[in-house]
N, C-alpha and C. Protein backbone atom coordinates (compact mmCIF):
# COMPACT_ATOMS: atom_id res chain seq x y z
N MET A 1 -2.59 -20.76 2.45
CA MET A 1 -2.47 -20.18 1.12
C MET A 1 -1.76 -18.83 1.25
N THR A 2 -0.85 -18.57 0.31
CA THR A 2 -0.16 -17.29 0.23
C THR A 2 -0.77 -16.50 -0.91
N GLU A 3 -1.11 -15.23 -0.62
CA GLU A 3 -1.76 -14.40 -1.61
C GLU A 3 -0.95 -13.12 -1.82
N ILE A 4 -0.69 -12.82 -3.09
CA ILE A 4 0.10 -11.65 -3.47
C ILE A 4 -0.76 -10.76 -4.35
N ARG A 5 -0.73 -9.46 -4.06
CA ARG A 5 -1.45 -8.48 -4.86
C ARG A 5 -0.42 -7.58 -5.53
N TRP A 6 -0.53 -7.42 -6.84
CA TRP A 6 0.38 -6.60 -7.64
C TRP A 6 -0.34 -5.32 -8.03
N HIS A 7 0.25 -4.17 -7.71
CA HIS A 7 -0.31 -2.86 -8.05
C HIS A 7 0.58 -2.25 -9.13
N GLY A 8 0.04 -2.05 -10.31
CA GLY A 8 0.86 -1.51 -11.39
C GLY A 8 0.08 -0.57 -12.28
N ARG A 9 0.69 -0.25 -13.37
CA ARG A 9 0.06 0.54 -14.42
C ARG A 9 0.17 -0.28 -15.70
N GLY A 10 -0.81 -0.12 -16.57
CA GLY A 10 -0.80 -0.84 -17.83
C GLY A 10 0.53 -0.65 -18.55
N GLY A 11 1.17 -1.72 -18.92
CA GLY A 11 2.43 -1.66 -19.64
C GLY A 11 3.66 -1.89 -18.77
N LEU A 12 3.50 -1.90 -17.43
CA LEU A 12 4.65 -2.14 -16.55
C LEU A 12 4.89 -3.62 -16.28
N GLY A 13 3.93 -4.46 -16.62
CA GLY A 13 4.14 -5.90 -16.50
C GLY A 13 3.65 -6.53 -15.21
N ALA A 14 2.64 -5.95 -14.57
CA ALA A 14 2.12 -6.53 -13.33
C ALA A 14 1.59 -7.95 -13.56
N PHE A 15 0.80 -8.13 -14.61
CA PHE A 15 0.26 -9.47 -14.84
C PHE A 15 1.36 -10.44 -15.26
N THR A 16 2.33 -9.99 -16.02
CA THR A 16 3.45 -10.86 -16.38
C THR A 16 4.18 -11.31 -15.12
N ALA A 17 4.38 -10.41 -14.16
CA ALA A 17 5.04 -10.77 -12.90
C ALA A 17 4.22 -11.81 -12.15
N ALA A 18 2.90 -11.58 -12.06
CA ALA A 18 2.03 -12.53 -11.38
C ALA A 18 2.10 -13.90 -12.05
N ARG A 19 2.09 -13.91 -13.37
CA ARG A 19 2.15 -15.16 -14.14
C ARG A 19 3.50 -15.85 -13.98
N LEU A 20 4.60 -15.08 -14.02
CA LEU A 20 5.94 -15.67 -13.84
C LEU A 20 6.08 -16.31 -12.46
N LEU A 21 5.57 -15.63 -11.43
CA LEU A 21 5.63 -16.21 -10.09
C LEU A 21 4.83 -17.49 -10.03
N GLY A 22 3.63 -17.48 -10.60
CA GLY A 22 2.81 -18.68 -10.63
C GLY A 22 3.50 -19.82 -11.35
N ALA A 23 4.13 -19.53 -12.48
CA ALA A 23 4.85 -20.56 -13.23
C ALA A 23 6.05 -21.07 -12.44
N ALA A 24 6.76 -20.17 -11.76
CA ALA A 24 7.93 -20.57 -10.98
C ALA A 24 7.57 -21.60 -9.92
N VAL A 25 6.51 -21.33 -9.16
CA VAL A 25 6.16 -22.23 -8.06
C VAL A 25 5.42 -23.48 -8.52
N SER A 26 4.60 -23.35 -9.57
CA SER A 26 3.81 -24.51 -10.00
C SER A 26 4.60 -25.45 -10.91
N LEU A 27 5.36 -24.90 -11.82
CA LEU A 27 6.09 -25.76 -12.77
C LEU A 27 7.44 -26.23 -12.23
N HIS A 28 8.01 -25.47 -11.29
CA HIS A 28 9.37 -25.77 -10.87
C HIS A 28 9.52 -26.06 -9.38
N GLU A 29 8.43 -25.98 -8.62
CA GLU A 29 8.50 -26.29 -7.19
C GLU A 29 7.38 -27.21 -6.74
N GLY A 30 6.55 -27.64 -7.65
CA GLY A 30 5.51 -28.62 -7.32
C GLY A 30 4.37 -28.09 -6.48
N LYS A 31 4.16 -26.79 -6.46
CA LYS A 31 3.04 -26.20 -5.72
C LYS A 31 1.92 -25.89 -6.69
N TYR A 32 0.82 -25.44 -6.16
CA TYR A 32 -0.30 -24.99 -6.98
C TYR A 32 -0.29 -23.46 -7.00
N ALA A 33 -0.66 -22.90 -8.14
CA ALA A 33 -0.69 -21.44 -8.25
C ALA A 33 -1.80 -21.02 -9.19
N LEU A 34 -2.28 -19.81 -8.93
CA LEU A 34 -3.29 -19.20 -9.77
C LEU A 34 -2.88 -17.74 -9.93
N ALA A 35 -2.76 -17.26 -11.16
CA ALA A 35 -2.39 -15.87 -11.43
C ALA A 35 -3.41 -15.29 -12.39
N PHE A 36 -3.88 -14.08 -12.07
CA PHE A 36 -4.88 -13.46 -12.94
C PHE A 36 -4.85 -11.94 -12.78
N PRO A 37 -5.24 -11.21 -13.85
CA PRO A 37 -5.27 -9.75 -13.79
C PRO A 37 -6.66 -9.23 -13.43
N SER A 38 -6.69 -7.94 -13.11
CA SER A 38 -7.95 -7.24 -12.91
C SER A 38 -7.76 -5.81 -13.36
N PHE A 39 -8.46 -5.42 -14.40
CA PHE A 39 -8.34 -4.05 -14.89
C PHE A 39 -9.59 -3.69 -15.66
N GLY A 40 -9.78 -2.40 -15.80
CA GLY A 40 -10.92 -1.89 -16.57
C GLY A 40 -10.52 -1.79 -18.03
N PRO A 41 -10.95 -0.74 -18.68
CA PRO A 41 -10.57 -0.57 -20.09
C PRO A 41 -9.05 -0.52 -20.21
N GLU A 42 -8.52 -1.41 -21.01
CA GLU A 42 -7.07 -1.50 -21.14
C GLU A 42 -6.51 -0.27 -21.82
N ARG A 43 -5.54 0.35 -21.14
CA ARG A 43 -4.79 1.41 -21.77
C ARG A 43 -3.48 1.57 -21.02
N ARG A 44 -2.45 1.85 -21.73
CA ARG A 44 -1.12 2.02 -21.16
C ARG A 44 -1.15 3.13 -20.11
N GLY A 45 -0.60 2.83 -18.94
CA GLY A 45 -0.50 3.82 -17.88
C GLY A 45 -1.66 3.83 -16.89
N ALA A 46 -2.75 3.16 -17.20
CA ALA A 46 -3.89 3.12 -16.27
C ALA A 46 -3.58 2.16 -15.12
N PRO A 47 -4.07 2.45 -13.91
CA PRO A 47 -3.84 1.53 -12.79
C PRO A 47 -4.45 0.16 -13.06
N VAL A 48 -3.69 -0.88 -12.72
CA VAL A 48 -4.14 -2.27 -12.87
C VAL A 48 -3.76 -3.05 -11.62
N PHE A 49 -4.46 -4.14 -11.41
CA PHE A 49 -4.13 -5.08 -10.35
C PHE A 49 -3.89 -6.43 -10.98
N ALA A 50 -3.04 -7.21 -10.35
CA ALA A 50 -2.87 -8.61 -10.71
C ALA A 50 -2.72 -9.36 -9.40
N TYR A 51 -3.00 -10.64 -9.44
CA TYR A 51 -2.99 -11.43 -8.21
C TYR A 51 -2.30 -12.76 -8.46
N THR A 52 -1.65 -13.26 -7.43
CA THR A 52 -1.08 -14.61 -7.46
C THR A 52 -1.47 -15.30 -6.16
N ARG A 53 -2.00 -16.49 -6.28
CA ARG A 53 -2.27 -17.34 -5.12
C ARG A 53 -1.36 -18.55 -5.22
N ILE A 54 -0.81 -18.96 -4.09
CA ILE A 54 0.10 -20.11 -4.04
C ILE A 54 -0.32 -20.99 -2.88
N ASP A 55 -0.37 -22.30 -3.12
CA ASP A 55 -0.74 -23.22 -2.05
C ASP A 55 -0.13 -24.59 -2.33
N SER A 56 -0.16 -25.43 -1.30
CA SER A 56 0.34 -26.79 -1.46
C SER A 56 -0.77 -27.73 -1.93
N LYS A 57 -2.00 -27.22 -2.00
CA LYS A 57 -3.12 -28.02 -2.49
C LYS A 57 -3.86 -27.24 -3.58
N PRO A 58 -4.68 -27.91 -4.37
CA PRO A 58 -5.38 -27.21 -5.45
C PRO A 58 -6.13 -25.98 -4.95
N ILE A 59 -6.14 -24.94 -5.77
CA ILE A 59 -6.77 -23.67 -5.43
C ILE A 59 -8.11 -23.58 -6.16
N THR A 60 -9.17 -23.42 -5.40
CA THR A 60 -10.49 -23.33 -6.00
C THR A 60 -11.05 -21.90 -5.96
N ASP A 61 -10.49 -21.06 -5.11
CA ASP A 61 -10.96 -19.67 -4.99
C ASP A 61 -10.40 -18.85 -6.15
N ARG A 62 -11.28 -18.37 -7.00
CA ARG A 62 -10.87 -17.58 -8.16
C ARG A 62 -11.32 -16.12 -8.04
N SER A 63 -11.66 -15.72 -6.83
CA SER A 63 -12.10 -14.34 -6.62
C SER A 63 -10.89 -13.43 -6.42
N GLU A 64 -11.16 -12.13 -6.48
CA GLU A 64 -10.14 -11.12 -6.25
C GLU A 64 -9.50 -11.33 -4.88
N VAL A 65 -8.21 -11.08 -4.77
CA VAL A 65 -7.51 -11.19 -3.49
C VAL A 65 -7.84 -9.93 -2.68
N VAL A 66 -8.52 -10.12 -1.55
CA VAL A 66 -8.92 -9.00 -0.72
C VAL A 66 -7.90 -8.79 0.41
N GLU A 67 -7.51 -9.86 1.08
CA GLU A 67 -6.50 -9.79 2.13
C GLU A 67 -5.26 -10.53 1.63
N CYS A 68 -4.12 -9.83 1.65
CA CYS A 68 -2.93 -10.44 1.06
C CYS A 68 -1.77 -10.52 2.04
N ASP A 69 -0.87 -11.45 1.74
CA ASP A 69 0.36 -11.62 2.51
C ASP A 69 1.45 -10.69 2.00
N CYS A 70 1.31 -10.26 0.76
CA CYS A 70 2.31 -9.39 0.16
C CYS A 70 1.66 -8.51 -0.89
N ALA A 71 2.05 -7.24 -0.90
CA ALA A 71 1.62 -6.31 -1.94
C ALA A 71 2.88 -5.80 -2.63
N VAL A 72 2.90 -5.87 -3.94
CA VAL A 72 4.04 -5.40 -4.73
C VAL A 72 3.56 -4.21 -5.55
N VAL A 73 4.26 -3.08 -5.38
CA VAL A 73 3.85 -1.83 -6.01
C VAL A 73 4.87 -1.48 -7.09
N LEU A 74 4.46 -1.55 -8.35
CA LEU A 74 5.36 -1.33 -9.47
C LEU A 74 5.62 0.14 -9.76
N ASP A 75 4.83 1.03 -9.16
CA ASP A 75 4.97 2.47 -9.37
C ASP A 75 4.60 3.14 -8.05
N ASP A 76 5.55 3.82 -7.41
CA ASP A 76 5.30 4.36 -6.07
C ASP A 76 4.18 5.40 -6.01
N THR A 77 3.78 5.97 -7.15
CA THR A 77 2.66 6.91 -7.14
C THR A 77 1.34 6.20 -6.85
N LEU A 78 1.33 4.88 -6.92
CA LEU A 78 0.13 4.09 -6.62
C LEU A 78 0.01 3.77 -5.13
N PHE A 79 1.05 4.08 -4.36
CA PHE A 79 1.00 3.78 -2.93
C PHE A 79 -0.08 4.64 -2.27
N GLY A 80 -0.97 4.00 -1.55
CA GLY A 80 -2.06 4.69 -0.87
C GLY A 80 -3.00 3.66 -0.29
N ASP A 81 -4.25 4.06 -0.08
CA ASP A 81 -5.22 3.17 0.55
C ASP A 81 -5.42 1.83 -0.16
N PRO A 82 -5.46 1.78 -1.50
CA PRO A 82 -5.61 0.46 -2.14
C PRO A 82 -4.48 -0.50 -1.79
N VAL A 83 -3.28 0.01 -1.57
CA VAL A 83 -2.15 -0.84 -1.18
C VAL A 83 -2.28 -1.21 0.29
N LYS A 84 -2.58 -0.24 1.13
CA LYS A 84 -2.62 -0.45 2.58
C LYS A 84 -3.79 -1.31 3.04
N SER A 85 -4.90 -1.25 2.33
CA SER A 85 -6.08 -2.00 2.78
C SER A 85 -5.91 -3.48 2.45
N GLY A 86 -6.37 -4.28 3.38
CA GLY A 86 -6.35 -5.72 3.15
C GLY A 86 -5.01 -6.40 3.34
N LEU A 87 -4.07 -5.73 3.99
CA LEU A 87 -2.79 -6.38 4.29
C LEU A 87 -2.96 -7.22 5.55
N LYS A 88 -2.57 -8.47 5.49
CA LYS A 88 -2.62 -9.33 6.67
C LYS A 88 -1.55 -8.87 7.65
N PRO A 89 -1.76 -9.08 8.95
CA PRO A 89 -0.71 -8.74 9.92
C PRO A 89 0.60 -9.44 9.56
N GLY A 90 1.69 -8.69 9.58
CA GLY A 90 3.00 -9.25 9.23
C GLY A 90 3.26 -9.32 7.75
N ALA A 91 2.38 -8.74 6.94
CA ALA A 91 2.56 -8.77 5.48
C ALA A 91 3.82 -8.02 5.07
N THR A 92 4.21 -8.21 3.83
CA THR A 92 5.34 -7.51 3.25
C THR A 92 4.83 -6.64 2.10
N VAL A 93 5.29 -5.38 2.06
CA VAL A 93 4.96 -4.47 0.97
C VAL A 93 6.27 -4.12 0.28
N ILE A 94 6.35 -4.39 -1.01
CA ILE A 94 7.55 -4.11 -1.79
C ILE A 94 7.21 -2.99 -2.77
N ILE A 95 8.01 -1.92 -2.74
CA ILE A 95 7.70 -0.74 -3.53
C ILE A 95 8.86 -0.37 -4.44
N ASN A 96 8.57 -0.15 -5.69
CA ASN A 96 9.54 0.36 -6.65
C ASN A 96 9.64 1.87 -6.44
N THR A 97 10.76 2.33 -5.90
CA THR A 97 10.92 3.74 -5.60
C THR A 97 12.38 4.06 -5.35
N THR A 98 12.71 5.34 -5.41
CA THR A 98 14.04 5.79 -5.00
C THR A 98 14.02 6.27 -3.56
N LYS A 99 12.84 6.27 -2.95
CA LYS A 99 12.69 6.71 -1.55
C LYS A 99 13.02 5.56 -0.60
N GLN A 100 13.07 5.89 0.67
CA GLN A 100 13.35 4.89 1.71
C GLN A 100 12.05 4.31 2.26
N ALA A 101 12.15 3.15 2.90
CA ALA A 101 10.98 2.47 3.45
C ALA A 101 10.23 3.35 4.46
N LYS A 102 10.95 4.15 5.22
CA LYS A 102 10.30 5.00 6.24
C LYS A 102 9.36 6.04 5.61
N ASP A 103 9.52 6.30 4.32
CA ASP A 103 8.64 7.24 3.62
C ASP A 103 7.27 6.64 3.29
N PHE A 104 7.11 5.33 3.57
CA PHE A 104 5.87 4.61 3.27
C PHE A 104 5.38 3.90 4.54
N PRO A 105 4.90 4.67 5.52
CA PRO A 105 4.53 4.05 6.79
C PRO A 105 3.26 3.20 6.70
N VAL A 106 3.40 1.96 7.13
CA VAL A 106 2.26 1.06 7.24
C VAL A 106 2.50 0.26 8.51
N ASP A 107 1.58 0.36 9.46
CA ASP A 107 1.75 -0.33 10.74
C ASP A 107 1.63 -1.85 10.57
N GLY A 108 2.52 -2.55 11.28
CA GLY A 108 2.42 -4.01 11.36
C GLY A 108 2.88 -4.78 10.15
N VAL A 109 3.55 -4.12 9.20
CA VAL A 109 4.03 -4.83 8.02
C VAL A 109 5.49 -4.45 7.75
N GLN A 110 6.15 -5.27 6.99
CA GLN A 110 7.52 -5.00 6.54
C GLN A 110 7.44 -4.26 5.21
N VAL A 111 8.09 -3.11 5.12
CA VAL A 111 8.12 -2.36 3.87
C VAL A 111 9.54 -2.45 3.30
N VAL A 112 9.63 -2.87 2.05
CA VAL A 112 10.91 -3.01 1.36
C VAL A 112 10.86 -2.10 0.13
N THR A 113 11.88 -1.28 -0.04
CA THR A 113 11.94 -0.41 -1.22
C THR A 113 13.15 -0.77 -2.07
N VAL A 114 12.98 -0.62 -3.37
CA VAL A 114 14.06 -0.89 -4.31
C VAL A 114 13.84 -0.05 -5.56
N ASP A 115 14.90 0.46 -6.13
CA ASP A 115 14.81 1.25 -7.35
C ASP A 115 14.78 0.31 -8.56
N ALA A 116 13.65 -0.35 -8.74
CA ALA A 116 13.51 -1.30 -9.84
C ALA A 116 13.57 -0.61 -11.20
N THR A 117 13.06 0.61 -11.27
CA THR A 117 13.10 1.35 -12.54
C THR A 117 14.54 1.64 -12.94
N GLY A 118 15.34 2.12 -12.00
CA GLY A 118 16.75 2.41 -12.27
C GLY A 118 17.51 1.17 -12.71
N LEU A 119 17.26 0.06 -12.03
CA LEU A 119 17.93 -1.20 -12.40
C LEU A 119 17.48 -1.67 -13.78
N ALA A 120 16.19 -1.57 -14.05
CA ALA A 120 15.68 -2.00 -15.36
C ALA A 120 16.25 -1.14 -16.48
N LEU A 121 16.32 0.17 -16.26
CA LEU A 121 16.91 1.05 -17.28
C LEU A 121 18.37 0.72 -17.51
N GLU A 122 19.09 0.44 -16.44
CA GLU A 122 20.51 0.11 -16.54
C GLU A 122 20.75 -1.18 -17.32
N ILE A 123 19.93 -2.20 -17.06
CA ILE A 123 20.18 -3.53 -17.64
C ILE A 123 19.37 -3.78 -18.90
N LEU A 124 18.10 -3.38 -18.90
CA LEU A 124 17.24 -3.64 -20.06
C LEU A 124 17.19 -2.47 -21.04
N GLY A 125 17.46 -1.27 -20.51
CA GLY A 125 17.31 -0.08 -21.33
C GLY A 125 15.86 0.38 -21.43
N ARG A 126 14.97 -0.24 -20.64
CA ARG A 126 13.55 0.09 -20.61
C ARG A 126 13.05 0.04 -19.17
N PRO A 127 12.06 0.86 -18.82
CA PRO A 127 11.58 0.89 -17.44
C PRO A 127 10.53 -0.18 -17.12
N ILE A 128 10.83 -1.42 -17.44
CA ILE A 128 9.92 -2.53 -17.17
C ILE A 128 10.35 -3.14 -15.84
N THR A 129 9.50 -3.00 -14.82
CA THR A 129 9.92 -3.28 -13.44
C THR A 129 9.45 -4.62 -12.88
N ASN A 130 8.78 -5.44 -13.67
CA ASN A 130 8.21 -6.67 -13.13
C ASN A 130 9.27 -7.67 -12.66
N VAL A 131 10.28 -7.94 -13.45
CA VAL A 131 11.28 -8.94 -13.08
C VAL A 131 12.13 -8.49 -11.90
N PRO A 132 12.59 -7.22 -11.85
CA PRO A 132 13.33 -6.85 -10.66
C PRO A 132 12.48 -6.93 -9.39
N LEU A 133 11.20 -6.65 -9.49
CA LEU A 133 10.35 -6.76 -8.30
C LEU A 133 10.10 -8.21 -7.92
N LEU A 134 10.14 -9.12 -8.87
CA LEU A 134 10.12 -10.55 -8.53
C LEU A 134 11.37 -10.92 -7.75
N GLY A 135 12.51 -10.38 -8.15
CA GLY A 135 13.74 -10.62 -7.40
C GLY A 135 13.65 -10.08 -5.99
N ALA A 136 13.08 -8.88 -5.84
CA ALA A 136 12.89 -8.29 -4.51
C ALA A 136 11.93 -9.13 -3.68
N LEU A 137 10.87 -9.61 -4.29
CA LEU A 137 9.90 -10.46 -3.59
C LEU A 137 10.56 -11.74 -3.08
N ALA A 138 11.33 -12.39 -3.94
CA ALA A 138 12.01 -13.62 -3.53
C ALA A 138 13.00 -13.35 -2.39
N ALA A 139 13.72 -12.24 -2.47
CA ALA A 139 14.69 -11.90 -1.43
C ALA A 139 14.02 -11.56 -0.11
N ALA A 140 12.93 -10.80 -0.16
CA ALA A 140 12.28 -10.33 1.06
C ALA A 140 11.43 -11.38 1.75
N THR A 141 10.88 -12.32 0.97
CA THR A 141 9.92 -13.27 1.55
C THR A 141 10.35 -14.73 1.48
N GLY A 142 11.25 -15.08 0.58
CA GLY A 142 11.61 -16.48 0.40
C GLY A 142 10.48 -17.30 -0.19
N ILE A 143 9.53 -16.64 -0.83
CA ILE A 143 8.34 -17.30 -1.36
C ILE A 143 8.68 -18.32 -2.45
N THR A 144 9.78 -18.07 -3.15
CA THR A 144 10.24 -18.98 -4.19
C THR A 144 11.74 -18.79 -4.37
N ALA A 145 12.36 -19.74 -5.00
CA ALA A 145 13.80 -19.68 -5.26
C ALA A 145 14.07 -18.89 -6.55
N VAL A 146 15.18 -18.19 -6.56
CA VAL A 146 15.58 -17.45 -7.77
C VAL A 146 15.69 -18.39 -8.95
N GLN A 147 16.19 -19.59 -8.72
CA GLN A 147 16.35 -20.57 -9.81
C GLN A 147 15.00 -20.93 -10.43
N SER A 148 13.95 -20.96 -9.62
CA SER A 148 12.61 -21.25 -10.14
C SER A 148 12.11 -20.10 -11.01
N ILE A 149 12.39 -18.86 -10.60
CA ILE A 149 11.99 -17.70 -11.42
C ILE A 149 12.79 -17.69 -12.71
N GLU A 150 14.07 -18.01 -12.64
CA GLU A 150 14.89 -18.08 -13.86
C GLU A 150 14.31 -19.11 -14.83
N ALA A 151 13.91 -20.26 -14.30
CA ALA A 151 13.31 -21.29 -15.16
C ALA A 151 11.99 -20.79 -15.76
N ALA A 152 11.20 -20.06 -14.97
CA ALA A 152 9.95 -19.51 -15.49
C ALA A 152 10.23 -18.47 -16.58
N ILE A 153 11.27 -17.67 -16.39
CA ILE A 153 11.67 -16.71 -17.42
C ILE A 153 12.02 -17.45 -18.71
N ASP A 154 12.76 -18.54 -18.59
CA ASP A 154 13.11 -19.33 -19.77
C ASP A 154 11.87 -19.92 -20.44
N ASP A 155 10.88 -20.30 -19.64
CA ASP A 155 9.64 -20.89 -20.16
C ASP A 155 8.71 -19.85 -20.79
N GLN A 156 8.65 -18.65 -20.20
CA GLN A 156 7.59 -17.70 -20.51
C GLN A 156 8.00 -16.51 -21.37
N LEU A 157 9.26 -16.09 -21.32
CA LEU A 157 9.66 -14.87 -22.02
C LEU A 157 10.34 -15.19 -23.36
N ALA A 158 10.32 -14.22 -24.24
CA ALA A 158 10.94 -14.39 -25.56
C ALA A 158 12.44 -14.62 -25.40
N PRO A 159 13.03 -15.46 -26.23
CA PRO A 159 14.45 -15.78 -26.10
C PRO A 159 15.37 -14.56 -26.07
N LYS A 160 15.06 -13.52 -26.85
CA LYS A 160 15.98 -12.38 -26.94
C LYS A 160 16.04 -11.55 -25.65
N ILE A 161 15.07 -11.71 -24.74
CA ILE A 161 15.08 -10.91 -23.50
C ILE A 161 15.35 -11.74 -22.25
N ARG A 162 15.52 -13.03 -22.39
CA ARG A 162 15.68 -13.90 -21.22
C ARG A 162 16.94 -13.59 -20.41
N GLU A 163 18.08 -13.55 -21.04
CA GLU A 163 19.34 -13.41 -20.30
C GLU A 163 19.43 -12.10 -19.54
N LYS A 164 19.05 -11.00 -20.19
CA LYS A 164 19.09 -9.71 -19.50
C LYS A 164 18.13 -9.70 -18.31
N ASN A 165 16.97 -10.33 -18.46
CA ASN A 165 16.01 -10.39 -17.37
C ASN A 165 16.54 -11.24 -16.21
N LYS A 166 17.26 -12.30 -16.51
CA LYS A 166 17.84 -13.12 -15.43
C LYS A 166 18.95 -12.35 -14.71
N ILE A 167 19.73 -11.57 -15.44
CA ILE A 167 20.74 -10.71 -14.81
C ILE A 167 20.06 -9.71 -13.89
N LEU A 168 19.00 -9.09 -14.37
CA LEU A 168 18.23 -8.11 -13.60
C LEU A 168 17.61 -8.74 -12.36
N LEU A 169 17.04 -9.91 -12.50
CA LEU A 169 16.46 -10.65 -11.38
C LEU A 169 17.50 -10.87 -10.29
N ASN A 170 18.65 -11.40 -10.67
CA ASN A 170 19.69 -11.73 -9.70
C ASN A 170 20.29 -10.49 -9.04
N LYS A 171 20.46 -9.43 -9.81
CA LYS A 171 21.02 -8.20 -9.24
C LYS A 171 20.08 -7.63 -8.20
N THR A 172 18.80 -7.59 -8.51
CA THR A 172 17.82 -7.05 -7.55
C THR A 172 17.74 -7.94 -6.32
N TYR A 173 17.73 -9.25 -6.52
CA TYR A 173 17.69 -10.19 -5.40
C TYR A 173 18.86 -9.91 -4.44
N GLN A 174 20.07 -9.78 -4.98
CA GLN A 174 21.25 -9.53 -4.15
C GLN A 174 21.16 -8.20 -3.42
N LEU A 175 20.74 -7.15 -4.11
CA LEU A 175 20.62 -5.83 -3.49
C LEU A 175 19.64 -5.84 -2.31
N VAL A 176 18.51 -6.48 -2.49
CA VAL A 176 17.51 -6.54 -1.42
C VAL A 176 18.00 -7.42 -0.28
N LYS A 177 18.60 -8.57 -0.59
CA LYS A 177 19.15 -9.45 0.46
C LYS A 177 20.17 -8.70 1.31
N GLU A 178 21.05 -7.94 0.67
CA GLU A 178 22.08 -7.19 1.39
C GLU A 178 21.46 -6.09 2.25
N ALA A 179 20.36 -5.51 1.81
CA ALA A 179 19.72 -4.42 2.55
C ALA A 179 18.91 -4.89 3.75
N LEU A 180 18.48 -6.15 3.72
CA LEU A 180 17.63 -6.66 4.82
C LEU A 180 18.43 -7.05 6.04
């Protein structure tokens, strides 16, 4: 089973990213997926977690993801012990930041950084970082195909924002692939 933990703030789209990834692999790749949020009192800007589990067989574990294969950080100010704890050996940590990977030391894991906010502002005109970080996740881990995420975007997002989000997804995917 592959387990992904999303670290975000209310309004940045962490749960939407978890759900889009789950839809991509379950509806378009024939795998099983479970995506769910975890947060306290809902308010914009408050720290939130979301989780995605992916497997080739039905998933019965509905508990919080404690040890993960990948942590995706939608806001670099959230980087700290909650991100570092519970990373499996060889895990990947993807961080939305303008800083370099060396600025986020974590032993035994791959750290990938990308300016998802800058890309989102350029293409969407809003700092919504979930889709570009899905592109970074696909590029860094190969967990799913970009075409599957595009199909999930078509299934899950409003028609007026689909095309720009697919452009953003592909641009981020290419930038991360070139950097690796």
